Protein backbone atom coordinates (compact mmCIF):
# COMPACT_ATOMS: atom_id res chain seq x y z
CA UNK A 1 146.15 150.48 115.79
CA UNK A 2 146.73 147.82 113.13
CA UNK A 3 145.98 144.26 114.12
CA UNK A 4 148.17 141.69 112.43
CA UNK A 5 146.63 138.37 111.44
CA UNK A 6 147.37 135.44 113.72
CA UNK A 7 150.31 133.35 112.51
CA UNK A 8 149.20 130.56 110.22
CA UNK A 9 150.71 127.31 109.06
CA UNK A 10 153.78 127.75 106.86
CA UNK A 11 154.33 125.32 103.99
CA UNK A 12 156.53 125.23 100.92
CA UNK A 13 155.64 124.38 97.36
CA UNK A 14 157.56 124.41 94.11
CA UNK A 15 157.12 127.54 92.02
CA UNK A 16 155.83 126.93 88.51
CA UNK A 17 157.10 128.63 85.38
CA UNK A 18 154.02 130.89 85.53
CA UNK A 19 154.97 131.94 89.12
CA UNK A 20 158.48 133.14 88.22
CA UNK A 21 157.67 136.70 87.01
CA UNK A 22 155.75 137.47 90.21
CA UNK A 23 158.41 135.71 92.30
CA UNK A 24 161.11 137.92 90.73
CA UNK A 25 159.13 141.14 91.31
CA UNK A 26 158.20 140.26 94.90
CA UNK A 27 161.83 139.32 95.64
CA UNK A 28 163.09 142.60 94.17
CA UNK A 29 160.49 144.61 96.09
CA UNK A 30 161.56 142.96 99.36
CA UNK A 31 165.28 143.46 98.67
CA UNK A 32 164.77 147.08 97.57
CA UNK A 33 163.16 147.96 100.90
CA UNK A 34 166.51 147.79 102.73
CA UNK A 35 168.30 149.71 99.98
CA UNK A 36 165.73 152.51 100.08
CA UNK A 37 165.78 152.59 103.90
CA UNK A 38 169.58 152.79 103.93
CA UNK A 39 170.41 154.85 100.84
CA UNK A 40 167.16 156.64 99.96
CA UNK A 41 166.51 155.15 96.53
CA UNK A 42 167.14 152.37 94.06
CA UNK A 43 168.68 154.32 91.20
CA UNK A 44 170.45 151.65 89.18
CA UNK A 45 167.57 149.30 88.48
CA UNK A 46 166.07 146.46 90.47
CA UNK A 47 168.02 144.70 93.20
CA UNK A 48 168.96 142.00 92.58
CA UNK A 49 169.15 142.53 88.82
CA UNK A 50 166.69 140.61 86.63
CA UNK A 51 169.55 138.57 85.14
CA UNK A 52 170.75 137.37 88.55
CA UNK A 53 167.28 136.29 89.61
CA UNK A 54 166.63 134.53 86.29
CA UNK A 55 170.01 132.76 86.50
CA UNK A 56 169.20 131.52 90.02
CA UNK A 57 165.98 129.90 88.76
CA UNK A 58 167.88 127.75 86.27
CA UNK A 59 171.14 127.17 88.15
CA UNK A 60 172.29 123.55 88.62
CA UNK A 61 170.49 121.92 91.58
CA UNK A 62 168.25 124.99 92.08
CA UNK A 63 164.84 124.56 93.66
CA UNK A 64 162.46 127.54 93.66
CA UNK A 65 160.01 127.42 96.56
CA UNK A 66 156.99 129.55 97.22
CA UNK A 67 156.43 130.13 100.93
CA UNK A 68 152.76 129.79 101.82
CA UNK A 69 150.91 130.74 104.98
CA UNK A 70 147.64 128.83 105.15
CA UNK A 71 147.90 128.42 101.37
CA UNK A 72 148.49 132.14 100.70
CA UNK A 73 151.77 133.10 98.97
CA UNK A 74 153.79 135.21 101.44
CA UNK A 75 157.39 134.78 100.32
CA UNK A 76 159.88 132.62 98.51
CA UNK A 77 163.25 130.93 98.53
CA UNK A 78 165.70 129.70 95.94
CA UNK A 79 167.93 126.94 97.30
CA UNK A 80 170.65 124.91 95.64
CA UNK A 81 170.71 121.34 96.87
CA UNK A 82 173.81 119.18 96.46
CA UNK A 83 172.61 115.70 97.38
CA UNK A 84 176.16 114.30 97.21
CA UNK A 85 178.01 116.73 99.52
CA UNK A 86 174.89 117.83 101.42
CA UNK A 87 176.36 121.35 101.47
CA UNK A 88 173.41 123.44 100.35
CA UNK A 89 172.96 127.13 99.66
CA UNK A 90 170.19 129.58 100.29
CA UNK A 91 170.53 131.71 97.18
CA UNK A 92 167.53 133.99 97.69
CA UNK A 93 165.04 134.26 100.52
CA UNK A 94 162.31 136.83 100.95
CA UNK A 95 159.07 137.65 102.70
CA UNK A 96 156.52 139.89 100.95
CA UNK A 97 156.94 143.52 101.95
CA UNK A 98 153.52 143.75 103.60
CA UNK A 99 154.23 140.65 105.70
CA UNK A 100 157.40 141.81 107.56
CA UNK A 101 157.46 141.40 111.32
CA UNK A 102 155.01 138.49 111.63
CA UNK A 103 157.51 135.66 112.13
CA UNK A 104 157.03 134.32 108.61
CA UNK A 105 160.77 134.29 107.90
CA UNK A 106 161.57 132.33 111.04
CA UNK A 107 158.82 129.79 110.41
CA UNK A 108 159.72 129.54 106.71
CA UNK A 109 163.37 128.87 107.54
CA UNK A 110 162.30 126.06 109.89
CA UNK A 111 160.17 124.63 107.07
CA UNK A 112 163.16 124.76 104.69
CA UNK A 113 165.41 122.97 107.19
CA UNK A 114 162.71 120.35 107.77
CA UNK A 115 162.31 119.88 104.01
CA UNK A 116 166.06 119.20 103.58
CA UNK A 117 166.92 117.21 106.75
CA UNK A 118 170.07 115.65 105.26
CA UNK A 119 171.82 119.03 104.96
CA UNK A 120 175.19 119.20 106.67
CA UNK A 121 175.89 122.88 105.97
CA UNK A 122 173.72 125.75 104.75
CA UNK A 123 175.48 128.75 103.23
CA UNK A 124 174.07 132.15 102.32
CA UNK A 125 175.21 135.75 101.74
CA UNK A 126 173.89 139.21 102.52
CA UNK A 127 175.22 142.75 102.00
CA UNK A 128 177.03 144.41 104.90
CA UNK A 129 174.34 147.12 105.26
CA UNK A 130 171.41 144.69 105.55
CA UNK A 131 171.11 144.79 109.34
CA UNK A 132 167.69 143.10 109.32
CA UNK A 133 169.14 140.12 107.36
CA UNK A 134 172.26 139.92 109.53
CA UNK A 135 170.08 139.84 112.66
CA UNK A 136 167.77 137.25 111.08
CA UNK A 137 170.49 134.86 109.95
CA UNK A 138 172.63 135.09 113.10
CA UNK A 139 170.15 135.64 115.93
CA UNK A 140 167.03 133.92 114.59
CA UNK A 141 168.30 131.10 112.37
CA UNK A 142 171.60 130.24 114.03
CA UNK A 143 173.99 131.01 111.18
CA UNK A 144 177.53 132.25 111.81
CA UNK A 145 179.39 134.88 109.83
CA UNK A 146 182.38 133.07 108.35
CA UNK A 147 183.68 135.49 105.73
CA UNK A 148 183.55 139.18 104.86
CA UNK A 149 184.04 139.93 101.17
CA UNK A 150 184.94 143.42 99.98
CA UNK A 151 187.09 145.13 97.33
CA UNK A 152 190.31 144.08 99.09
CA UNK A 153 189.07 140.53 99.69
CA UNK A 154 186.69 139.56 96.85
CA UNK A 155 184.58 136.42 96.85
CA UNK A 156 186.50 133.91 94.70
CA UNK A 157 183.22 132.26 93.68
CA UNK A 158 181.62 135.54 92.57
CA UNK A 159 184.38 137.57 90.91
CA UNK A 160 181.91 139.63 88.86
CA UNK A 161 179.64 140.45 91.81
CA UNK A 162 177.81 143.68 90.92
CA UNK A 163 178.37 146.71 93.10
CA UNK A 164 175.57 147.53 95.46
CA UNK A 165 174.75 151.08 96.53
CA UNK A 166 177.40 152.22 99.02
CA UNK A 167 179.08 148.86 98.43
CA UNK A 168 181.22 147.82 101.35
CA UNK A 169 180.93 144.12 100.72
CA UNK A 170 179.04 140.98 101.58
CA UNK A 171 178.98 138.62 104.52
CA UNK A 172 179.01 134.87 103.98
CA UNK A 173 177.12 132.86 106.58
CA UNK A 174 177.17 129.16 107.40
CA UNK A 175 174.96 127.01 109.53
CA UNK A 176 176.33 123.57 110.35
CA UNK A 177 173.56 121.11 111.17
CA UNK A 178 175.49 117.92 111.70
CA UNK A 179 179.04 116.77 111.60
CA UNK A 180 180.52 115.18 108.52
CA UNK A 181 181.75 111.74 109.20
C-alpha cells in the first residue's frame, strides 16, 4: 500500500526563464497522460506542441506560475490577466504526473483565484475526451461549460487549432466570480 504525503501548503511563484524548459516538459507529460489513457499513444509529437507552449509564455498579459507545495515544484499555470476588463484566462494548468490525486489542483486553483481577486470571469478550454479535466473544472472549481467547439462550429478565436487525436472538439468553460457593474 502506497502512502501519499500529507497535503502541504500551496503557493505560487513566477517561473523564471531558466524554469521554462522544465515547465514545458512537465506540462506536456501531464497532458499526454490523458491522450495515452484514451487513445493508447502520442504519435504526432508532444501535446500541446512546443510552439503552442512557447507562444503562451510570451503572449500579451501572460503570467507563468510555478505551483509549489511546501516550496517543492508540483505543477504550473499560465494565465492571461486583463487588468482593464478583468476577464482572465487560464491558458495552461497542470499538476506533475506523480502528484495526481492529492488535491494539489484544487488547492492550486484556490491559490490562483486568491492571487487575482479582481477577476470577474475566468475562461479556459479542454478537449472533449479529457474527462478528468471536465470533472475538475465543473465539479471541483465551479466552472460552467458555455461552448462546444468542433469541426461544424469552430472556435472563432482559434481558427488554426491543431487537431487532437480522435478530435471531436473542445469545451470552453467560464467561471463568473462577481457581477460587472
